[in-house]
N, C-alpha and C. Protein backbone atom coordinates (compact mmCIF):
# COMPACT_ATOMS: atom_id res chain seq x y z
N MET A 1 109.95 105.10 -97.71
CA MET A 1 110.45 106.09 -96.64
C MET A 1 110.47 105.55 -95.33
N LEU A 2 110.87 105.90 -94.62
CA LEU A 2 111.00 105.09 -93.42
C LEU A 2 109.59 105.75 -92.23
N LYS A 3 109.22 105.07 -91.51
CA LYS A 3 108.27 105.45 -90.73
C LYS A 3 108.65 106.71 -89.62
N GLY A 4 108.03 107.58 -89.79
CA GLY A 4 108.13 108.75 -89.01
C GLY A 4 108.46 109.95 -89.57
N GLN A 5 109.34 109.78 -90.44
CA GLN A 5 109.83 110.74 -91.85
C GLN A 5 109.05 111.84 -92.36
N LYS A 6 109.20 112.87 -92.19
CA LYS A 6 107.89 113.38 -92.84
C LYS A 6 108.54 114.10 -94.41
N GLY A 7 108.08 114.72 -94.74
CA GLY A 7 108.40 115.36 -96.13
C GLY A 7 107.45 115.19 -97.43
N ILE A 8 107.83 115.79 -98.78
CA ILE A 8 106.97 115.44 -99.74
C ILE A 8 107.41 114.57 -100.74
N THR A 9 106.43 114.03 -101.27
CA THR A 9 107.00 113.04 -102.48
C THR A 9 107.19 113.58 -103.88
N LEU A 10 108.11 112.83 -104.27
CA LEU A 10 108.39 113.10 -105.85
C LEU A 10 107.32 113.32 -106.59
N VAL A 11 106.40 113.13 -106.41
CA VAL A 11 104.78 113.34 -107.53
C VAL A 11 104.50 114.96 -106.82
N ALA A 12 104.45 115.07 -105.76
CA ALA A 12 103.69 116.56 -105.43
C ALA A 12 104.77 117.48 -105.64
N LEU A 13 105.92 117.21 -105.87
CA LEU A 13 107.11 118.16 -106.22
C LEU A 13 106.94 118.30 -108.01
N VAL A 14 106.70 117.29 -108.56
CA VAL A 14 106.25 117.46 -109.77
C VAL A 14 105.16 118.51 -110.51
N ILE A 15 104.02 117.64 -109.36
CA ILE A 15 102.70 118.80 -109.76
C ILE A 15 102.94 119.72 -109.66
N THR A 16 103.66 120.48 -108.48
CA THR A 16 103.99 121.77 -108.31
C THR A 16 104.59 122.37 -109.13
N ILE A 17 105.74 122.25 -109.42
CA ILE A 17 106.77 122.44 -110.66
C ILE A 17 105.86 122.66 -112.08
N ILE A 18 104.81 121.45 -112.04
CA ILE A 18 104.11 121.93 -113.46
C ILE A 18 103.16 122.54 -113.26
N VAL A 19 102.16 123.02 -112.16
CA VAL A 19 101.60 124.07 -112.04
C VAL A 19 101.96 125.56 -111.62
N LEU A 20 103.26 125.55 -111.35
CA LEU A 20 104.10 127.06 -111.26
C LEU A 20 104.31 126.86 -112.68
N LEU A 21 104.72 126.35 -113.66
CA LEU A 21 105.46 126.55 -114.82
C LEU A 21 103.95 127.06 -115.77
N ILE A 22 103.06 126.44 -115.49
CA ILE A 22 102.13 126.85 -116.32
C ILE A 22 101.12 128.29 -115.97
N LEU A 23 101.20 128.77 -114.31
CA LEU A 23 100.79 130.04 -114.23
C LEU A 23 102.16 130.76 -114.79
N ALA A 24 103.52 130.46 -114.88
CA ALA A 24 104.16 131.61 -115.51
C ALA A 24 104.05 131.52 -116.97
N GLY A 25 103.84 130.76 -117.77
CA GLY A 25 103.22 131.09 -118.87
C GLY A 25 101.96 131.54 -119.56
N ILE A 26 101.03 131.42 -118.32
CA ILE A 26 99.80 132.68 -118.34
C ILE A 26 100.49 133.81 -118.16
N THR A 27 101.07 133.70 -117.19
CA THR A 27 101.61 135.55 -116.79
C THR A 27 102.42 136.18 -117.82
N ILE A 28 103.75 135.34 -118.57
CA ILE A 28 104.16 136.01 -119.32
C ILE A 28 103.40 135.81 -120.81
N SER A 29 102.35 135.34 -121.19
CA SER A 29 101.94 135.76 -122.66
C SER A 29 100.58 136.68 -122.43
N MET A 30 100.47 137.03 -121.02
CA MET A 30 99.46 138.19 -120.47
C MET A 30 100.14 139.46 -120.34
N THR A 31 101.38 139.52 -120.16
CA THR A 31 102.10 140.25 -120.10
C THR A 31 102.97 140.98 -121.53
N ILE A 32 103.76 140.11 -121.87
CA ILE A 32 104.41 140.77 -123.61
C ILE A 32 103.58 139.96 -124.32
N GLY A 33 102.12 139.17 -124.76
CA GLY A 33 102.05 138.97 -125.64
C GLY A 33 101.04 139.90 -126.81
N GLN A 34 100.53 139.59 -128.15
CA GLN A 34 100.13 140.30 -128.63
C GLN A 34 99.01 141.27 -128.14
N ARG A 35 98.25 140.99 -127.30
CA ARG A 35 97.26 141.83 -126.73
C ARG A 35 97.62 141.68 -125.32
N GLY A 36 99.03 141.67 -125.05
CA GLY A 36 99.44 141.59 -123.51
C GLY A 36 99.12 143.13 -122.82
N ILE A 37 99.22 143.06 -121.85
CA ILE A 37 99.58 144.34 -120.78
C ILE A 37 100.18 145.56 -121.30
N LEU A 38 101.49 145.34 -121.89
CA LEU A 38 102.51 145.89 -122.40
C LEU A 38 101.71 146.49 -123.28
N ASN A 39 101.40 145.77 -124.44
CA ASN A 39 101.08 146.20 -125.91
C ASN A 39 100.06 147.33 -125.69
N ARG A 40 98.89 146.62 -125.09
CA ARG A 40 97.66 147.72 -124.21
C ARG A 40 97.84 149.21 -123.62
N ALA A 41 98.89 148.75 -122.80
CA ALA A 41 99.82 150.30 -122.41
C ALA A 41 100.21 151.33 -123.45
N LYS A 42 101.09 150.42 -124.51
CA LYS A 42 101.36 151.43 -125.43
C LYS A 42 100.40 152.01 -126.48
N GLU A 43 99.29 151.37 -126.65
CA GLU A 43 98.21 151.56 -127.49
C GLU A 43 97.46 152.84 -126.91
N ALA A 44 97.27 152.41 -125.26
CA ALA A 44 96.42 153.96 -124.49
C ALA A 44 97.00 154.85 -124.35
N GLY A 45 98.49 155.11 -124.47
CA GLY A 45 99.13 156.12 -124.51
C GLY A 45 99.40 156.53 -125.78
N GLN A 46 99.20 155.86 -126.92
CA GLN A 46 98.79 156.64 -128.47
C GLN A 46 97.71 157.62 -128.81
N ASN A 47 96.57 156.71 -127.84
CA ASN A 47 95.59 157.47 -128.02
C ASN A 47 95.36 158.26 -127.19
N TYR A 48 95.76 158.25 -125.62
CA TYR A 48 95.58 159.75 -125.03
C TYR A 48 96.65 160.79 -125.91
N GLN A 49 97.40 160.61 -126.81
CA GLN A 49 98.39 161.76 -126.92
C GLN A 49 97.42 162.00 -128.41
N ASN A 50 96.73 161.29 -129.10
CA ASN A 50 95.77 161.75 -130.12
C ASN A 50 94.82 162.36 -129.72
N ALA A 51 94.14 161.98 -128.52
CA ALA A 51 93.26 162.90 -128.03
C ALA A 51 93.83 164.18 -127.93
N ALA A 52 94.99 164.26 -127.49
CA ALA A 52 94.86 165.51 -126.80
C ALA A 52 95.49 166.28 -127.66
N LYS A 53 96.00 165.89 -128.63
CA LYS A 53 96.49 166.72 -130.03
C LYS A 53 94.88 167.07 -130.87
N GLN A 54 93.93 166.52 -130.90
CA GLN A 54 92.83 166.47 -131.37
C GLN A 54 92.00 167.71 -130.39
N GLU A 55 92.30 167.49 -129.58
CA GLU A 55 91.26 168.50 -128.08
C GLU A 55 91.99 169.93 -128.41
N GLU A 56 93.28 170.20 -128.39
CA GLU A 56 94.27 171.28 -128.83
C GLU A 56 93.66 171.82 -130.19
N LYS A 57 93.65 170.76 -131.13
CA LYS A 57 93.09 171.79 -132.07
C LYS A 57 91.65 172.32 -132.03
N ASP A 58 90.54 171.49 -131.37
CA ASP A 58 89.13 171.91 -131.35
C ASP A 58 89.25 173.29 -131.00
N LEU A 59 89.87 173.08 -129.39
CA LEU A 59 89.89 174.49 -128.65
C LEU A 59 90.70 175.72 -129.54
N LEU A 60 91.62 175.47 -130.39
CA LEU A 60 91.84 176.42 -130.96
C LEU A 60 91.27 176.94 -132.12
N ASP A 61 90.36 176.09 -132.84
CA ASP A 61 88.97 175.86 -133.86
C ASP A 61 88.16 176.99 -132.91
N ILE A 62 87.80 176.85 -131.60
CA ILE A 62 86.72 177.09 -131.17
C ILE A 62 87.32 179.18 -130.43
N ASN A 63 88.68 178.91 -130.44
CA ASN A 63 89.21 180.04 -130.03
C ASN A 63 89.02 181.03 -131.29
N ASP A 64 89.33 180.91 -132.46
CA ASP A 64 89.45 181.71 -133.76
C ASP A 64 87.65 181.88 -133.95
N GLU A 65 86.83 181.26 -133.79
CA GLU A 65 85.60 181.38 -133.32
C GLU A 65 85.17 182.47 -133.00
N MET A 66 85.61 182.09 -131.27
CA MET A 66 85.06 183.44 -130.54
C MET A 66 85.39 184.72 -131.35
N GLU A 67 87.04 185.07 -131.81
CA GLU A 67 87.61 185.92 -132.15
C GLU A 67 87.12 186.54 -133.31
N ASN A 68 86.47 185.79 -133.92
CA ASN A 68 85.63 185.99 -135.14
C ASN A 68 84.20 186.61 -134.91
N ILE A 69 83.85 186.15 -133.88
CA ILE A 69 82.42 186.97 -133.76
C ILE A 69 82.48 188.08 -132.48
N VAL A 70 83.78 188.56 -131.91
CA VAL A 70 83.94 189.11 -130.94
C VAL A 70 84.45 190.38 -131.90
N ASN A 71 84.84 190.27 -133.15
CA ASN A 71 85.55 191.00 -134.30
C ASN A 71 84.68 191.83 -135.17
N SER A 72 83.43 190.47 -135.47
CA SER A 72 82.32 191.50 -136.06
C SER A 72 81.36 192.02 -135.16
N LEU A 73 81.31 192.23 -134.05
CA LEU A 73 80.55 193.01 -133.03
C LEU A 73 80.90 194.37 -133.18
N ARG A 74 82.27 194.46 -133.30
CA ARG A 74 83.01 195.86 -132.70
C ARG A 74 82.42 196.50 -134.22
C-alpha cells in the first residue's frame, strides 16, 4: 500500500465476511431449524387451539351441570 492511502486490508475483509457468514448461519438455524422459531410458533398455535377446544368443552360440561341442578330444584 502506498503511504497516505487508507482502506481496509484483504485480511480484515475476509474476517468480516467469515463473521457475517457465521451470524447468518446461526440466524437461519434458529429461524427454520427443528426447534426454530417458526416450528415453535406452529406448536404454540396448535397448543392454543387445543386449549381453546378443551375450554369450550369444559364450559359446556359446566353449563350442562348447572342446568341439571336448576332442573332438579324445580
